[in-house]
Amino acid sequence: MGSEDLPAAHAAGAAFVRMTGIELEGKRRTAAVAPDADAFTREFAAELWVPNAKAARKMWASNAQAWSAGTRWCRGCEVSTRLGKDARQLIDLQALWDFGARSALAGQRPFGPPPLS
């Protein structure tokens, strides 16, 4: 996240948020454009959100033991072995589908039936 390569820093920040669910304060920076780019490309250069790398390191250091205990994380929920009711509301659809596919391949029922009441 502390890289001077803006697309890499942006991607690392997005991955951190997806794994931990913690939105870090950051700033928007304009991505570099090629020297031979036309005026339109220069005017509408991509603006990328770059997180605060120091805050991310601090957050990682304070939670490293808990996060290292899990295998798969999405939005602060450990989703490798079971998926609690609260986690279903927090994780994204990609992680939900991934959990369901892994459970089905292991011969387990990924989710219980809906309540009848």
Protein backbone atom coordinates (compact mmCIF):
# COMPACT_ATOMS: atom_id res chain seq x y z
CA MET A 1 0.00 0.00 0.00
CA GLY A 2 2.94 2.29 0.48
CA SER A 3 4.12 1.79 -3.09
CA GLU A 4 4.64 4.73 -5.40
CA ASP A 5 3.00 2.63 -8.11
CA LEU A 6 -0.54 4.01 -7.76
CA PRO A 7 -2.45 1.10 -9.35
CA ALA A 8 -0.59 -1.38 -7.12
CA ALA A 9 -1.23 0.71 -3.98
CA HIS A 10 -4.91 1.05 -4.93
CA ALA A 11 -5.26 -2.71 -5.48
CA ALA A 12 -3.52 -3.49 -2.17
CA GLY A 13 -5.88 -1.13 -0.35
CA ALA A 14 -8.93 -2.71 -1.96
CA ALA A 15 -7.68 -6.18 -0.99
CA PHE A 16 -7.08 -5.05 2.60
CA VAL A 17 -10.63 -3.71 2.86
CA ARG A 18 -12.09 -6.86 1.30
CA MET A 19 -10.21 -9.11 3.72
CA THR A 20 -10.57 -7.11 6.92
CA GLY A 21 -13.69 -5.04 6.37
CA ILE A 22 -11.85 -2.02 7.72
CA GLU A 23 -12.05 1.12 5.61
CA LEU A 24 -8.83 3.07 5.95
CA GLU A 25 -8.65 6.79 5.50
CA GLY A 26 -6.69 7.65 2.43
CA LYS A 27 -6.57 10.14 -0.39
CA ARG A 28 -7.39 10.27 -4.05
CA ARG A 29 -4.49 10.66 -6.42
CA THR A 30 -4.51 11.03 -10.15
CA ALA A 31 -2.82 8.20 -12.01
CA ALA A 32 0.05 9.03 -14.31
CA VAL A 33 -0.68 9.30 -18.01
CA ALA A 34 1.64 8.57 -20.89
CA PRO A 35 3.71 11.52 -22.11
CA ASP A 36 2.25 11.19 -25.60
CA ALA A 37 -1.38 11.04 -24.39
CA ASP A 38 -3.94 13.33 -26.00
CA ALA A 39 -5.72 16.17 -24.17
CA PHE A 40 -8.85 14.08 -23.50
CA THR A 41 -6.85 11.32 -21.80
CA ARG A 42 -4.96 13.87 -19.71
CA GLU A 43 -8.17 15.63 -18.67
CA PHE A 44 -9.94 12.41 -17.64
CA ALA A 45 -7.05 10.51 -16.08
CA ALA A 46 -8.12 7.89 -13.56
CA GLU A 47 -8.36 8.99 -9.95
CA LEU A 48 -7.37 6.20 -7.59
CA TRP A 49 -8.02 5.92 -3.86
CA VAL A 50 -4.74 5.22 -2.07
CA PRO A 51 -5.01 4.11 1.58
CA ASN A 52 -2.95 5.25 4.52
CA ALA A 53 -0.19 2.64 4.67
CA LYS A 54 0.85 3.53 8.22
CA ALA A 55 -2.68 3.03 9.53
CA ALA A 56 -2.89 -0.30 7.69
CA ARG A 57 0.38 -1.51 9.22
CA LYS A 58 -0.80 -0.46 12.68
CA MET A 59 -4.13 -2.22 12.21
CA TRP A 60 -2.36 -5.35 10.91
CA ALA A 61 0.04 -5.39 13.87
CA SER A 62 -2.78 -5.14 16.40
CA ASN A 63 -4.88 -7.89 14.75
CA ALA A 64 -2.18 -10.14 13.27
CA GLN A 65 -2.66 -12.96 15.76
CA ALA A 66 -6.42 -13.21 15.17
CA TRP A 67 -6.12 -12.87 11.40
CA SER A 68 -3.33 -15.44 11.22
CA ALA A 69 -5.56 -17.98 12.98
CA GLY A 70 -7.94 -18.07 10.01
CA THR A 71 -7.50 -19.31 6.48
CA ARG A 72 -10.02 -17.34 4.39
CA TRP A 73 -11.27 -13.87 5.26
CA CYS A 74 -13.89 -11.59 3.78
CA ARG A 75 -14.94 -8.31 5.38
CA GLY A 76 -13.52 -9.38 8.75
CA CYS A 77 -15.30 -12.75 8.81
CA GLU A 78 -13.40 -16.03 8.73
CA VAL A 79 -15.21 -18.05 6.06
CA SER A 80 -13.10 -21.15 5.54
CA THR A 81 -15.00 -23.67 7.67
CA ARG A 82 -18.40 -22.28 8.59
CA LEU A 83 -20.51 -19.30 7.68
CA GLY A 84 -22.44 -17.75 10.52
CA LYS A 85 -25.63 -15.76 10.08
CA ASP A 86 -23.86 -12.48 10.75
CA ALA A 87 -21.15 -13.29 8.22
CA ARG A 88 -23.73 -13.90 5.48
CA GLN A 89 -24.85 -10.32 5.81
CA LEU A 90 -21.34 -8.88 5.77
CA ILE A 91 -19.49 -10.78 3.06
CA ASP A 92 -19.78 -10.12 -0.65
CA LEU A 93 -21.45 -12.40 -3.19
CA GLN A 94 -18.15 -13.64 -4.58
CA ALA A 95 -17.13 -14.98 -1.16
CA LEU A 96 -20.60 -16.46 -0.61
CA TRP A 97 -20.44 -18.36 -3.91
CA ASP A 98 -16.89 -19.46 -3.15
CA PHE A 99 -17.94 -20.78 0.26
CA GLY A 100 -20.90 -22.63 -1.27
CA ALA A 101 -18.76 -24.20 -3.98
CA ARG A 102 -16.10 -25.35 -1.51
CA SER A 103 -18.74 -26.85 0.78
CA ALA A 104 -20.43 -28.67 -2.11
CA LEU A 105 -17.13 -30.09 -3.32
CA ALA A 106 -16.44 -31.34 0.20
CA GLY A 107 -19.84 -33.08 0.24
CA GLN A 108 -21.31 -30.78 2.86
CA ARG A 109 -24.46 -28.71 2.83
CA PRO A 110 -23.31 -25.12 2.55
CA PHE A 111 -26.39 -23.47 4.08
CA GLY A 112 -29.24 -24.64 6.23
CA PRO A 113 -32.81 -24.47 4.99
CA PRO A 114 -34.65 -21.17 5.50
CA PRO A 115 -36.84 -20.90 8.60
CA LEU A 116 -40.45 -21.99 8.11
CA SER A 117 -42.04 -19.40 10.38
